[in-house]
């Protein structure tokens, strides 16, 4: 029965996806802010850049431009094939964090808007 309701209410599907993405983003940001997080760890740095670019939608062109590197360099950083100097890594992570906090805020606004729209739709339907 839930599947039939969800299929007939695309707004609910969108809201669910937005909330899921926000939860994932908050977990990722929490990991970045953790005292255990070490940007000097090559594997962890590569994984972080990879997730930010591929999972959370930061465009490689934006990322490359911010750090004055070619897109292929950013790709190598995200794949762990090459790395910036260890002194630059905390700056990269701080920028990613700031950029993703903006996305977190936007997602929160989109969720509020979707919830308002659903509430209005429900009140019209009754």
PDB file of N, CA and C in Angstrom:
ATOM      1  N   UNK A   1       0.827  -1.187   0.000  1.00  0.00           N
ATOM      2  CA  UNK A   1       0.000   0.000   0.000  1.00  0.00           C
ATOM      3  C   UNK A   1       0.875   1.255   0.000  1.00  0.00           C
ATOM      4  N   UNK A   2       1.961   1.267   0.751  1.00  0.00           N
ATOM      5  CA  UNK A   2       2.842   2.427   0.797  1.00  0.00           C
ATOM      6  C   UNK A   2       3.418   2.722  -0.581  1.00  0.00           C
ATOM      7  N   UNK A   3       3.752   1.676  -1.336  1.00  0.00           N
ATOM      8  CA  UNK A   3       4.305   1.891  -2.660  1.00  0.00           C
ATOM      9  C   UNK A   3       3.296   2.559  -3.580  1.00  0.00           C
ATOM     10  N   UNK A   4       2.027   2.185  -3.479  1.00  0.00           N
ATOM     11  CA  UNK A   4       0.998   2.807  -4.303  1.00  0.00           C
ATOM     12  C   UNK A   4       0.844   4.279  -3.953  1.00  0.00           C
ATOM     13  N   UNK A   5       0.903   4.596  -2.674  1.00  0.00           N
ATOM     14  CA  UNK A   5       0.785   5.989  -2.247  1.00  0.00           C
ATOM     15  C   UNK A   5       1.982   6.786  -2.752  1.00  0.00           C
ATOM     16  N   UNK A   6       3.170   6.232  -2.575  1.00  0.00           N
ATOM     17  CA  UNK A   6       4.378   6.932  -3.008  1.00  0.00           C
ATOM     18  C   UNK A   6       4.362   7.146  -4.514  1.00  0.00           C
ATOM     19  N   UNK A   7       3.924   6.144  -5.262  1.00  0.00           N
ATOM     20  CA  UNK A   7       3.898   6.268  -6.709  1.00  0.00           C
ATOM     21  C   UNK A   7       2.902   7.332  -7.154  1.00  0.00           C
ATOM     22  N   UNK A   8       1.837   7.526  -6.386  1.00  0.00           N
ATOM     23  CA  UNK A   8       0.846   8.520  -6.772  1.00  0.00           C
ATOM     24  C   UNK A   8       1.193   9.915  -6.254  1.00  0.00           C
ATOM     25  N   UNK A   9       2.226  10.039  -5.432  1.00  0.00           N
ATOM     26  CA  UNK A   9       2.624  11.326  -4.860  1.00  0.00           C
ATOM     27  C   UNK A   9       4.097  11.592  -5.145  1.00  0.00           C
ATOM     28  N   UNK A  10       4.411  12.106  -6.325  1.00  0.00           N
ATOM     29  CA  UNK A  10       5.820  12.357  -6.642  1.00  0.00           C
ATOM     30  C   UNK A  10       6.464  13.349  -5.686  1.00  0.00           C
ATOM     31  N   UNK A  11       5.663  14.248  -5.099  1.00  0.00           N
ATOM     32  CA  UNK A  11       6.216  15.202  -4.139  1.00  0.00           C
ATOM     33  C   UNK A  11       6.795  14.473  -2.924  1.00  0.00           C
ATOM     34  N   UNK A  12       6.123  13.413  -2.499  1.00  0.00           N
ATOM     35  CA  UNK A  12       6.620  12.637  -1.360  1.00  0.00           C
ATOM     36  C   UNK A  12       7.921  11.929  -1.706  1.00  0.00           C
ATOM     37  N   UNK A  13       8.032  11.451  -2.919  1.00  0.00           N
ATOM     38  CA  UNK A  13       9.263  10.792  -3.363  1.00  0.00           C
ATOM     39  C   UNK A  13      10.407  11.804  -3.365  1.00  0.00           C
ATOM     40  N   UNK A  14      10.136  12.971  -3.908  1.00  0.00           N
ATOM     41  CA  UNK A  14      11.161  14.021  -3.952  1.00  0.00           C
ATOM     42  C   UNK A  14      11.567  14.409  -2.543  1.00  0.00           C
ATOM     43  N   UNK A  15      10.593  14.587  -1.664  1.00  0.00           N
ATOM     44  CA  UNK A  15      10.888  14.955  -0.284  1.00  0.00           C
ATOM     45  C   UNK A  15      11.737  13.885   0.396  1.00  0.00           C
ATOM     46  N   UNK A  16      11.396  12.633   0.183  1.00  0.00           N
ATOM     47  CA  UNK A  16      12.177  11.530   0.758  1.00  0.00           C
ATOM     48  C   UNK A  16      13.620  11.560   0.249  1.00  0.00           C
ATOM     49  N   UNK A  17      13.792  11.780  -1.051  1.00  0.00           N
ATOM     50  CA  UNK A  17      15.144  11.826  -1.624  1.00  0.00           C
ATOM     51  C   UNK A  17      15.937  13.010  -1.085  1.00  0.00           C
ATOM     52  N   UNK A  18      15.282  14.159  -0.951  1.00  0.00           N
ATOM     53  CA  UNK A  18      15.968  15.330  -0.407  1.00  0.00           C
ATOM     54  C   UNK A  18      16.416  15.071   1.032  1.00  0.00           C
ATOM     55  N   UNK A  19      15.533  14.480   1.826  1.00  0.00           N
ATOM     56  CA  UNK A  19      15.882  14.195   3.226  1.00  0.00           C
ATOM     57  C   UNK A  19      17.007  13.174   3.316  1.00  0.00           C
ATOM     58  N   UNK A  20      16.976  12.187   2.440  1.00  0.00           N
ATOM     59  CA  UNK A  20      18.033  11.180   2.424  1.00  0.00           C
ATOM     60  C   UNK A  20      19.368  11.817   2.050  1.00  0.00           C
ATOM     61  N   UNK A  21      19.351  12.672   1.043  1.00  0.00           N
ATOM     62  CA  UNK A  21      20.576  13.361   0.616  1.00  0.00           C
ATOM     63  C   UNK A  21      21.097  14.270   1.721  1.00  0.00           C
ATOM     64  N   UNK A  22      20.187  14.959   2.412  1.00  0.00           N
ATOM     65  CA  UNK A  22      20.593  15.825   3.515  1.00  0.00           C
ATOM     66  C   UNK A  22      21.216  14.997   4.637  1.00  0.00           C
ATOM     67  N   UNK A  23      20.638  13.855   4.944  1.00  0.00           N
ATOM     68  CA  UNK A  23      21.215  12.980   5.963  1.00  0.00           C
ATOM     69  C   UNK A  23      22.608  12.508   5.587  1.00  0.00           C
ATOM     70  N   UNK A  24      22.781  12.111   4.331  1.00  0.00           N
ATOM     71  CA  UNK A  24      24.099  11.682   3.852  1.00  0.00           C
ATOM     72  C   UNK A  24      25.106  12.820   3.938  1.00  0.00           C
ATOM     73  N   UNK A  25      24.671  13.994   3.537  1.00  0.00           N
ATOM     74  CA  UNK A  25      25.554  15.157   3.552  1.00  0.00           C
ATOM     75  C   UNK A  25      25.960  15.509   4.979  1.00  0.00           C
ATOM     76  N   UNK A  26      25.018  15.446   5.901  1.00  0.00           N
ATOM     77  CA  UNK A  26      25.335  15.749   7.301  1.00  0.00           C
ATOM     78  C   UNK A  26      26.294  14.730   7.896  1.00  0.00           C
ATOM     79  N   UNK A  27      26.145  13.473   7.522  1.00  0.00           N
ATOM     80  CA  UNK A  27      27.086  12.450   8.000  1.00  0.00           C
ATOM     81  C   UNK A  27      28.484  12.723   7.456  1.00  0.00           C
ATOM     82  N   UNK A  28      28.565  13.082   6.184  1.00  0.00           N
ATOM     83  CA  UNK A  28      29.842  13.377   5.555  1.00  0.00           C
ATOM     84  C   UNK A  28      30.497  14.584   6.222  1.00  0.00           C
ATOM     85  N   UNK A  29      29.720  15.646   6.438  1.00  0.00           N
ATOM     86  CA  UNK A  29      30.252  16.836   7.105  1.00  0.00           C
ATOM     87  C   UNK A  29      30.693  16.511   8.525  1.00  0.00           C
ATOM     88  N   UNK A  30      29.920  15.672   9.214  1.00  0.00           N
ATOM     89  CA  UNK A  30      30.300  15.255  10.565  1.00  0.00           C
ATOM     90  C   UNK A  30      31.640  14.536  10.567  1.00  0.00           C
ATOM     91  N   UNK A  31      31.854  13.701   9.563  1.00  0.00           N
ATOM     92  CA  UNK A  31      33.133  12.986   9.458  1.00  0.00           C
ATOM     93  C   UNK A  31      34.277  13.969   9.211  1.00  0.00           C
ATOM     94  N   UNK A  32      34.029  14.982   8.384  1.00  0.00           N
ATOM     95  CA  UNK A  32      35.069  15.979   8.111  1.00  0.00           C
ATOM     96  C   UNK A  32      35.415  16.779   9.364  1.00  0.00           C
ATOM     97  N   UNK A  33      34.439  16.988  10.219  1.00  0.00           N
ATOM     98  CA  UNK A  33      34.650  17.780  11.427  1.00  0.00           C
ATOM     99  C   UNK A  33      35.140  16.947  12.603  1.00  0.00           C
ATOM    100  N   UNK A  34      35.183  15.650  12.429  1.00  0.00           N
ATOM    101  CA  UNK A  34      35.615  14.747  13.493  1.00  0.00           C
ATOM    102  C   UNK A  34      37.085  14.962  13.825  1.00  0.00           C
ATOM    103  N   UNK A  35      37.400  14.810  15.083  1.00  0.00           N
ATOM    104  CA  UNK A  35      38.799  14.950  15.509  1.00  0.00           C
ATOM    105  C   UNK A  35      39.661  13.811  14.960  1.00  0.00           C
ATOM    106  N   UNK A  36      39.037  12.739  14.529  1.00  0.00           N
ATOM    107  CA  UNK A  36      39.751  11.585  13.986  1.00  0.00           C
ATOM    108  C   UNK A  36      40.173  11.837  12.538  1.00  0.00           C
ATOM    109  N   UNK A  37      39.472  12.737  11.843  1.00  0.00           N
ATOM    110  CA  UNK A  37      39.752  12.994  10.435  1.00  0.00           C
ATOM    111  C   UNK A  37      41.156  13.586  10.277  1.00  0.00           C
ATOM    112  N   UNK A  38      41.952  12.972   9.403  1.00  0.00           N
ATOM    113  CA  UNK A  38      43.323  13.424   9.176  1.00  0.00           C
ATOM    114  C   UNK A  38      43.549  13.641   7.679  1.00  0.00           C
ATOM    115  N   UNK A  39      43.554  14.899   7.234  1.00  0.00           N
ATOM    116  CA  UNK A  39      43.743  15.153   5.805  1.00  0.00           C
ATOM    117  C   UNK A  39      45.129  14.758   5.298  1.00  0.00           C
ATOM    118  N   UNK A  40      46.052  14.468   6.208  1.00  0.00           N
ATOM    119  CA  UNK A  40      47.388  14.048   5.786  1.00  0.00           C
ATOM    120  C   UNK A  40      47.409  12.578   5.353  1.00  0.00           C
ATOM    121  N   UNK A  41      46.366  11.846   5.706  1.00  0.00           N
ATOM    122  CA  UNK A  41      46.237  10.456   5.298  1.00  0.00           C
ATOM    123  C   UNK A  41      45.857  10.434   3.811  1.00  0.00           C
ATOM    124  N   UNK A  42      46.747   9.889   2.985  1.00  0.00           N
ATOM    125  CA  UNK A  42      46.531   9.907   1.537  1.00  0.00           C
ATOM    126  C   UNK A  42      45.206   9.273   1.125  1.00  0.00           C
ATOM    127  N   UNK A  43      44.916   8.084   1.632  1.00  0.00           N
ATOM    128  CA  UNK A  43      43.688   7.384   1.247  1.00  0.00           C
ATOM    129  C   UNK A  43      42.450   8.171   1.673  1.00  0.00           C
ATOM    130  N   UNK A  44      42.478   8.688   2.874  1.00  0.00           N
ATOM    131  CA  UNK A  44      41.344   9.448   3.391  1.00  0.00           C
ATOM    132  C   UNK A  44      41.145  10.750   2.614  1.00  0.00           C
ATOM    133  N   UNK A  45      42.234  11.415   2.277  1.00  0.00           N
ATOM    134  CA  UNK A  45      42.137  12.633   1.483  1.00  0.00           C
ATOM    135  C   UNK A  45      41.509  12.334   0.126  1.00  0.00           C
ATOM    136  N   UNK A  46      42.012  11.303  -0.556  1.00  0.00           N
ATOM    137  CA  UNK A  46      41.484  10.939  -1.878  1.00  0.00           C
ATOM    138  C   UNK A  46      40.009  10.575  -1.789  1.00  0.00           C
ATOM    139  N   UNK A  47      39.643   9.792  -0.796  1.00  0.00           N
ATOM    140  CA  UNK A  47      38.244   9.389  -0.626  1.00  0.00           C
ATOM    141  C   UNK A  47      37.351  10.609  -0.389  1.00  0.00           C
ATOM    142  N   UNK A  48      37.827  11.551   0.394  1.00  0.00           N
ATOM    143  CA  UNK A  48      37.052  12.748   0.698  1.00  0.00           C
ATOM    144  C   UNK A  48      36.825  13.584  -0.552  1.00  0.00           C
ATOM    145  N   UNK A  49      37.883  13.817  -1.313  1.00  0.00           N
ATOM    146  CA  UNK A  49      37.752  14.591  -2.549  1.00  0.00           C
ATOM    147  C   UNK A  49      36.846  13.851  -3.532  1.00  0.00           C
ATOM    148  N   UNK A  50      37.024  12.543  -3.639  1.00  0.00           N
ATOM    149  CA  UNK A  50      36.209  11.733  -4.547  1.00  0.00           C
ATOM    150  C   UNK A  50      34.729  11.833  -4.188  1.00  0.00           C
ATOM    151  N   UNK A  51      34.402  11.685  -2.912  1.00  0.00           N
ATOM    152  CA  UNK A  51      32.995  11.765  -2.493  1.00  0.00           C
ATOM    153  C   UNK A  51      32.429  13.146  -2.738  1.00  0.00           C
ATOM    154  N   UNK A  52      33.197  14.171  -2.431  1.00  0.00           N
ATOM    155  CA  UNK A  52      32.713  15.537  -2.632  1.00  0.00           C
ATOM    156  C   UNK A  52      32.410  15.799  -4.105  1.00  0.00           C
ATOM    157  N   UNK A  53      33.273  15.315  -4.974  1.00  0.00           N
ATOM    158  CA  UNK A  53      33.092  15.559  -6.407  1.00  0.00           C
ATOM    159  C   UNK A  53      32.034  14.648  -7.022  1.00  0.00           C
ATOM    160  N   UNK A  54      32.024  13.404  -6.634  1.00  0.00           N
ATOM    161  CA  UNK A  54      31.147  12.439  -7.304  1.00  0.00           C
ATOM    162  C   UNK A  54      29.830  12.174  -6.592  1.00  0.00           C
ATOM    163  N   UNK A  55      29.817  12.234  -5.299  1.00  0.00           N
ATOM    164  CA  UNK A  55      28.596  11.915  -4.567  1.00  0.00           C
ATOM    165  C   UNK A  55      27.794  13.159  -4.218  1.00  0.00           C
ATOM    166  N   UNK A  56      28.493  14.249  -3.930  1.00  0.00           N
ATOM    167  CA  UNK A  56      27.794  15.440  -3.461  1.00  0.00           C
ATOM    168  C   UNK A  56      27.756  16.561  -4.483  1.00  0.00           C
ATOM    169  N   UNK A  57      28.185  16.276  -5.683  1.00  0.00           N
ATOM    170  CA  UNK A  57      27.923  17.158  -6.797  1.00  0.00           C
ATOM    171  C   UNK A  57      28.770  18.403  -6.944  1.00  0.00           C
ATOM    172  N   UNK A  58      29.878  18.478  -6.249  1.00  0.00           N
ATOM    173  CA  UNK A  58      30.768  19.606  -6.506  1.00  0.00           C
ATOM    174  C   UNK A  58      31.384  19.377  -7.883  1.00  0.00           C
ATOM    175  N   UNK A  59      31.269  20.360  -8.724  1.00  0.00           N
ATOM    176  CA  UNK A  59      31.772  20.238 -10.092  1.00  0.00           C
ATOM    177  C   UNK A  59      33.298  20.291 -10.092  1.00  0.00           C
ATOM    178  N   UNK A  60      33.905  19.384 -10.857  1.00  0.00           N
ATOM    179  CA  UNK A  60      35.368  19.351 -10.895  1.00  0.00           C
ATOM    180  C   UNK A  60      35.934  20.652 -11.460  1.00  0.00           C
ATOM    181  N   UNK A  61      35.188  21.299 -12.367  1.00  0.00           N
ATOM    182  CA  UNK A  61      35.655  22.575 -12.919  1.00  0.00           C
ATOM    183  C   UNK A  61      35.710  23.642 -11.822  1.00  0.00           C
ATOM    184  N   UNK A  62      34.697  23.676 -10.967  1.00  0.00           N
ATOM    185  CA  UNK A  62      34.687  24.629  -9.850  1.00  0.00           C
ATOM    186  C   UNK A  62      35.834  24.339  -8.886  1.00  0.00           C
ATOM    187  N   UNK A  63      36.002  23.066  -8.572  1.00  0.00           N
ATOM    188  CA  UNK A  63      37.055  22.630  -7.666  1.00  0.00           C
ATOM    189  C   UNK A  63      38.433  22.974  -8.241  1.00  0.00           C
ATOM    190  N   UNK A  64      38.644  22.650  -9.510  1.00  0.00           N
ATOM    191  CA  UNK A  64      39.926  22.902 -10.177  1.00  0.00           C
ATOM    192  C   UNK A  64      40.244  24.392 -10.209  1.00  0.00           C
ATOM    193  N   UNK A  65      39.243  25.183 -10.539  1.00  0.00           N
ATOM    194  CA  UNK A  65      39.445  26.632 -10.615  1.00  0.00           C
ATOM    195  C   UNK A  65      39.796  27.199  -9.240  1.00  0.00           C
ATOM    196  N   UNK A  66      39.120  26.719  -8.204  1.00  0.00           N
ATOM    197  CA  UNK A  66      39.372  27.212  -6.846  1.00  0.00           C
ATOM    198  C   UNK A  66      40.828  27.016  -6.435  1.00  0.00           C
ATOM    199  N   UNK A  67      41.426  25.903  -6.855  1.00  0.00           N
ATOM    200  CA  UNK A  67      42.794  25.595  -6.429  1.00  0.00           C
ATOM    201  C   UNK A  67      43.829  25.794  -7.531  1.00  0.00           C
ATOM    202  N   UNK A  68      43.394  26.329  -8.658  1.00  0.00           N
ATOM    203  CA  UNK A  68      44.332  26.657  -9.724  1.00  0.00           C
ATOM    204  C   UNK A  68      45.026  25.457 -10.319  1.00  0.00           C
ATOM    205  N   UNK A  69      44.281  24.353 -10.406  1.00  0.00           N
ATOM    206  CA  UNK A  69      44.848  23.140 -10.996  1.00  0.00           C
ATOM    207  C   UNK A  69      43.997  22.714 -12.178  1.00  0.00           C
ATOM    208  N   UNK A  70      44.571  21.918 -13.045  1.00  0.00           N
ATOM    209  CA  UNK A  70      43.843  21.374 -14.183  1.00  0.00           C
ATOM    210  C   UNK A  70      42.835  20.344 -13.676  1.00  0.00           C
ATOM    211  N   UNK A  71      41.753  20.169 -14.421  1.00  0.00           N
ATOM    212  CA  UNK A  71      40.729  19.187 -14.040  1.00  0.00           C
ATOM    213  C   UNK A  71      41.311  17.786 -13.902  1.00  0.00           C
ATOM    214  N   UNK A  72      42.291  17.464 -14.733  1.00  0.00           N
ATOM    215  CA  UNK A  72      42.898  16.127 -14.639  1.00  0.00           C
ATOM    216  C   UNK A  72      43.658  15.969 -13.315  1.00  0.00           C
ATOM    217  N   UNK A  73      44.216  17.065 -12.808  1.00  0.00           N
ATOM    218  CA  UNK A  73      44.899  17.013 -11.508  1.00  0.00           C
ATOM    219  C   UNK A  73      43.891  16.731 -10.403  1.00  0.00           C
ATOM    220  N   UNK A  74      42.763  17.423 -10.452  1.00  0.00           N
ATOM    221  CA  UNK A  74      41.711  17.175  -9.460  1.00  0.00           C
ATOM    222  C   UNK A  74      41.249  15.724  -9.532  1.00  0.00           C
ATOM    223  N   UNK A  75      41.156  15.199 -10.748  1.00  0.00           N
ATOM    224  CA  UNK A  75      40.782  13.794 -10.909  1.00  0.00           C
ATOM    225  C   UNK A  75      41.808  12.857 -10.292  1.00  0.00           C
ATOM    226  N   UNK A  76      43.078  13.173 -10.459  1.00  0.00           N
ATOM    227  CA  UNK A  76      44.125  12.342  -9.856  1.00  0.00           C
ATOM    228  C   UNK A  76      44.072  12.429  -8.331  1.00  0.00           C
ATOM    229  N   UNK A  77      43.779  13.611  -7.797  1.00  0.00           N
ATOM    230  CA  UNK A  77      43.636  13.747  -6.336  1.00  0.00           C
ATOM    231  C   UNK A  77      42.497  12.857  -5.841  1.00  0.00           C
ATOM    232  N   UNK A  78      41.390  12.865  -6.569  1.00  0.00           N
ATOM    233  CA  UNK A  78      40.218  12.097  -6.121  1.00  0.00           C
ATOM    234  C   UNK A  78      40.415  10.595  -6.271  1.00  0.00           C
ATOM    235  N   UNK A  79      41.340  10.194  -7.142  1.00  0.00           N
ATOM    236  CA  UNK A  79      41.601   8.767  -7.342  1.00  0.00           C
ATOM    237  C   UNK A  79      42.803   8.286  -6.551  1.00  0.00           C
ATOM    238  N   UNK A  80      43.458   9.209  -5.844  1.00  0.00           N
ATOM    239  CA  UNK A  80      44.614   8.824  -5.050  1.00  0.00           C
ATOM    240  C   UNK A  80      45.861   8.577  -5.878  1.00  0.00           C
ATOM    241  N   UNK A  81      45.904   9.099  -7.084  1.00  0.00           N
ATOM    242  CA  UNK A  81      47.064   8.915  -7.957  1.00  0.00           C
ATOM    243  C   UNK A  81      48.120   9.992  -7.740  1.00  0.00           C
ATOM    244  N   UNK A  82      47.683  11.114  -7.185  1.00  0.00           N
ATOM    245  CA  UNK A  82      48.547  12.259  -6.953  1.00  0.00           C
ATOM    246  C   UNK A  82      47.898  13.075  -5.840  1.00  0.00           C
ATOM    247  N   UNK A  83      48.681  13.878  -5.138  1.00  0.00           N
ATOM    248  CA  UNK A  83      48.144  14.641  -4.018  1.00  0.00           C
ATOM    249  C   UNK A  83      48.755  16.031  -3.979  1.00  0.00           C
ATOM    250  N   UNK A  84      48.002  16.983  -3.431  1.00  0.00           N
ATOM    251  CA  UNK A  84      48.617  18.291  -3.207  1.00  0.00           C
ATOM    252  C   UNK A  84      49.594  18.195  -2.040  1.00  0.00           C
ATOM    253  N   UNK A  85      50.391  19.209  -1.885  1.00  0.00           N
ATOM    254  CA  UNK A  85      51.317  19.259  -0.765  1.00  0.00           C
ATOM    255  C   UNK A  85      50.530  19.118   0.539  1.00  0.00           C
ATOM    256  N   UNK A  86      51.139  18.476   1.515  1.00  0.00           N
ATOM    257  CA  UNK A  86      50.453  18.225   2.786  1.00  0.00           C
ATOM    258  C   UNK A  86      49.982  19.506   3.476  1.00  0.00           C
ATOM    259  N   UNK A  87      50.648  20.624   3.230  1.00  0.00           N
ATOM    260  CA  UNK A  87      50.211  21.886   3.832  1.00  0.00           C
ATOM    261  C   UNK A  87      48.964  22.445   3.152  1.00  0.00           C
ATOM    262  N   UNK A  88      48.716  22.028   1.917  1.00  0.00           N
ATOM    263  CA  UNK A  88      47.556  22.508   1.165  1.00  0.00           C
ATOM    264  C   UNK A  88      46.299  21.696   1.502  1.00  0.00           C
ATOM    265  N   UNK A  89      46.471  20.478   1.903  1.00  0.00           N
ATOM    266  CA  UNK A  89      45.330  19.589   2.130  1.00  0.00           C
ATOM    267  C   UNK A  89      44.304  20.136   3.125  1.00  0.00           C
ATOM    268  N   UNK A  90      44.715  20.682   4.275  1.00  0.00           N
ATOM    269  CA  UNK A  90      43.699  21.237   5.178  1.00  0.00           C
ATOM    270  C   UNK A  90      42.912  22.391   4.544  1.00  0.00           C
ATOM    271  N   UNK A  91      43.553  23.134   3.649  1.00  0.00           N
ATOM    272  CA  UNK A  91      42.872  24.225   2.956  1.00  0.00           C
ATOM    273  C   UNK A  91      41.821  23.647   2.003  1.00  0.00           C
ATOM    274  N   UNK A  92      42.175  22.582   1.316  1.00  0.00           N
ATOM    275  CA  UNK A  92      41.238  21.913   0.407  1.00  0.00           C
ATOM    276  C   UNK A  92      40.041  21.385   1.202  1.00  0.00           C
ATOM    277  N   UNK A  93      40.305  20.725   2.301  1.00  0.00           N
ATOM    278  CA  UNK A  93      39.230  20.161   3.121  1.00  0.00           C
ATOM    279  C   UNK A  93      38.348  21.269   3.689  1.00  0.00           C
ATOM    280  N   UNK A  94      38.949  22.365   4.132  1.00  0.00           N
ATOM    281  CA  UNK A  94      38.168  23.488   4.669  1.00  0.00           C
ATOM    282  C   UNK A  94      37.262  24.068   3.586  1.00  0.00           C
ATOM    283  N   UNK A  95      37.772  24.188   2.362  1.00  0.00           N
ATOM    284  CA  UNK A  95      36.952  24.707   1.269  1.00  0.00           C
ATOM    285  C   UNK A  95      35.798  23.754   0.964  1.00  0.00           C
ATOM    286  N   UNK A  96      36.103  22.452   0.917  1.00  0.00           N
ATOM    287  CA  UNK A  96      35.041  21.469   0.672  1.00  0.00           C
ATOM    288  C   UNK A  96      33.966  21.569   1.750  1.00  0.00           C
ATOM    289  N   UNK A  97      34.398  21.676   2.999  1.00  0.00           N
ATOM    290  CA  UNK A  97      33.454  21.781   4.115  1.00  0.00           C
ATOM    291  C   UNK A  97      32.561  23.015   3.953  1.00  0.00           C
ATOM    292  N   UNK A  98      33.182  24.162   3.683  1.00  0.00           N
ATOM    293  CA  UNK A  98      32.409  25.395   3.507  1.00  0.00           C
ATOM    294  C   UNK A  98      31.425  25.275   2.348  1.00  0.00           C
ATOM    295  N   UNK A  99      31.890  24.711   1.271  1.00  0.00           N
ATOM    296  CA  UNK A  99      31.046  24.560   0.079  1.00  0.00           C
ATOM    297  C   UNK A  99      29.873  23.626   0.347  1.00  0.00           C
ATOM    298  N   UNK A 100      30.127  22.550   1.090  1.00  0.00           N
ATOM    299  CA  UNK A 100      29.065  21.591   1.382  1.00  0.00           C
ATOM    300  C   UNK A 100      28.091  22.114   2.434  1.00  0.00           C
ATOM    301  N   UNK A 101      28.553  22.984   3.322  1.00  0.00           N
ATOM    302  CA  UNK A 101      27.638  23.602   4.290  1.00  0.00           C
ATOM    303  C   UNK A 101      26.621  24.468   3.547  1.00  0.00           C
ATOM    304  N   UNK A 102      27.057  25.138   2.497  1.00  0.00           N
ATOM    305  CA  UNK A 102      26.129  25.918   1.672  1.00  0.00           C
ATOM    306  C   UNK A 102      25.097  24.980   1.051  1.00  0.00           C
ATOM    307  N   UNK A 103      25.541  23.841   0.528  1.00  0.00           N
ATOM    308  CA  UNK A 103      24.620  22.861  -0.045  1.00  0.00           C
ATOM    309  C   UNK A 103      23.654  22.336   1.009  1.00  0.00           C
ATOM    310  N   UNK A 104      24.153  22.129   2.220  1.00  0.00           N
ATOM    311  CA  UNK A 104      23.312  21.659   3.319  1.00  0.00           C
ATOM    312  C   UNK A 104      22.186  22.666   3.585  1.00  0.00           C
ATOM    313  N   UNK A 105      22.522  23.920   3.595  1.00  0.00           N
ATOM    314  CA  UNK A 105      21.535  24.977   3.814  1.00  0.00           C
ATOM    315  C   UNK A 105      20.493  24.995   2.697  1.00  0.00           C
ATOM    316  N   UNK A 106      20.955  24.885   1.470  1.00  0.00           N
ATOM    317  CA  UNK A 106      20.031  24.869   0.328  1.00  0.00           C
ATOM    318  C   UNK A 106      19.099  23.663   0.379  1.00  0.00           C
ATOM    319  N   UNK A 107      19.652  22.507   0.728  1.00  0.00           N
ATOM    320  CA  UNK A 107      18.806  21.315   0.846  1.00  0.00           C
ATOM    321  C   UNK A 107      17.754  21.499   1.930  1.00  0.00           C
ATOM    322  N   UNK A 108      18.147  22.089   3.047  1.00  0.00           N
ATOM    323  CA  UNK A 108      17.189  22.353   4.123  1.00  0.00           C
ATOM    324  C   UNK A 108      16.059  23.246   3.641  1.00  0.00           C
ATOM    325  N   UNK A 109      16.388  24.269   2.871  1.00  0.00           N
ATOM    326  CA  UNK A 109      15.368  25.165   2.314  1.00  0.00           C
ATOM    327  C   UNK A 109      14.461  24.420   1.330  1.00  0.00           C
ATOM    328  N   UNK A 110      15.042  23.563   0.503  1.00  0.00           N
ATOM    329  CA  UNK A 110      14.238  22.794  -0.449  1.00  0.00           C
ATOM    330  C   UNK A 110      13.292  21.848   0.275  1.00  0.00           C
ATOM    331  N   UNK A 111      13.764  21.256   1.360  1.00  0.00           N
ATOM    332  CA  UNK A 111      12.913  20.348   2.142  1.00  0.00           C
ATOM    333  C   UNK A 111      11.759  21.121   2.761  1.00  0.00           C
ATOM    334  N   UNK A 112      12.044  22.274   3.329  1.00  0.00           N
ATOM    335  CA  UNK A 112      10.970  23.092   3.915  1.00  0.00           C
ATOM    336  C   UNK A 112       9.935  23.470   2.858  1.00  0.00           C
ATOM    337  N   UNK A 113      10.399  23.850   1.694  1.00  0.00           N
ATOM    338  CA  UNK A 113       9.484  24.216   0.610  1.00  0.00           C
ATOM    339  C   UNK A 113       8.644  23.014   0.186  1.00  0.00           C
ATOM    340  N   UNK A 114       9.265  21.862   0.051  1.00  0.00           N
ATOM    341  CA  UNK A 114       8.532  20.650  -0.334  1.00  0.00           C
ATOM    342  C   UNK A 114       7.512  20.269   0.731  1.00  0.00           C
ATOM    343  N   UNK A 115       7.881  20.409   1.995  1.00  0.00           N
ATOM    344  CA  UNK A 115       6.942  20.094   3.081  1.00  0.00           C
ATOM    345  C   UNK A 115       5.753  21.059   3.076  1.00  0.00           C
ATOM    346  N   UNK A 116       6.022  22.354   2.828  1.00  0.00           N
ATOM    347  CA  UNK A 116       4.924  23.330   2.737  1.00  0.00           C
ATOM    348  C   UNK A 116       3.994  22.978   1.579  1.00  0.00           C
ATOM    349  N   UNK A 117       4.591  22.619   0.460  1.00  0.00           N
ATOM    350  CA  UNK A 117       3.797  22.276  -0.707  1.00  0.00           C
ATOM    351  C   UNK A 117       2.932  21.033  -0.428  1.00  0.00           C
ATOM    352  N   UNK A 118       3.519  20.042   0.209  1.00  0.00           N
ATOM    353  CA  UNK A 118       2.751  18.834   0.546  1.00  0.00           C
ATOM    354  C   UNK A 118       1.619  19.145   1.508  1.00  0.00           C
ATOM    355  N   UNK A 119       1.901  19.988   2.502  1.00  0.00           N
ATOM    356  CA  UNK A 119       0.869  20.357   3.484  1.00  0.00           C
ATOM    357  C   UNK A 119      -0.277  21.100   2.780  1.00  0.00           C
ATOM    358  N   UNK A 120       0.061  21.987   1.861  1.00  0.00           N
ATOM    359  CA  UNK A 120      -0.979  22.725   1.127  1.00  0.00           C
ATOM    360  C   UNK A 120      -1.778  21.771   0.258  1.00  0.00           C
ATOM    361  N   UNK A 121      -1.107  20.832  -0.373  1.00  0.00           N
ATOM    362  CA  UNK A 121      -1.791  19.853  -1.215  1.00  0.00           C
ATOM    363  C   UNK A 121      -2.733  18.990  -0.393  1.00  0.00           C
ATOM    364  N   UNK A 122      -2.272  18.614   0.810  1.00  0.00           N
ATOM    365  CA  UNK A 122      -3.100  17.780   1.681  1.00  0.00           C
ATOM    366  C   UNK A 122      -4.326  18.542   2.165  1.00  0.00           C
ATOM    367  N   UNK A 123      -4.157  19.834   2.476  1.00  0.00           N
ATOM    368  CA  UNK A 123      -5.291  20.603   2.965  1.00  0.00           C
ATOM    369  C   UNK A 123      -6.307  20.858   1.846  1.00  0.00           C
ATOM    370  N   UNK A 124      -5.842  20.983   0.608  1.00  0.00           N
ATOM    371  CA  UNK A 124      -6.751  21.154  -0.526  1.00  0.00           C
ATOM    372  C   UNK A 124      -7.496  19.861  -0.802  1.00  0.00           C
ATOM    373  N   UNK A 125      -6.814  18.726  -0.621  1.00  0.00           N
ATOM    374  CA  UNK A 125      -7.427  17.419  -0.915  1.00  0.00           C
ATOM    375  C   UNK A 125      -8.511  17.047   0.100  1.00  0.00           C
ATOM    376  N   UNK A 126      -8.424  17.603   1.298  1.00  0.00           N
ATOM    377  CA  UNK A 126      -9.418  17.231   2.331  1.00  0.00           C
ATOM    378  C   UNK A 126     -10.581  18.163   2.375  1.00  0.00           C
TER     379      UNK A 126
END
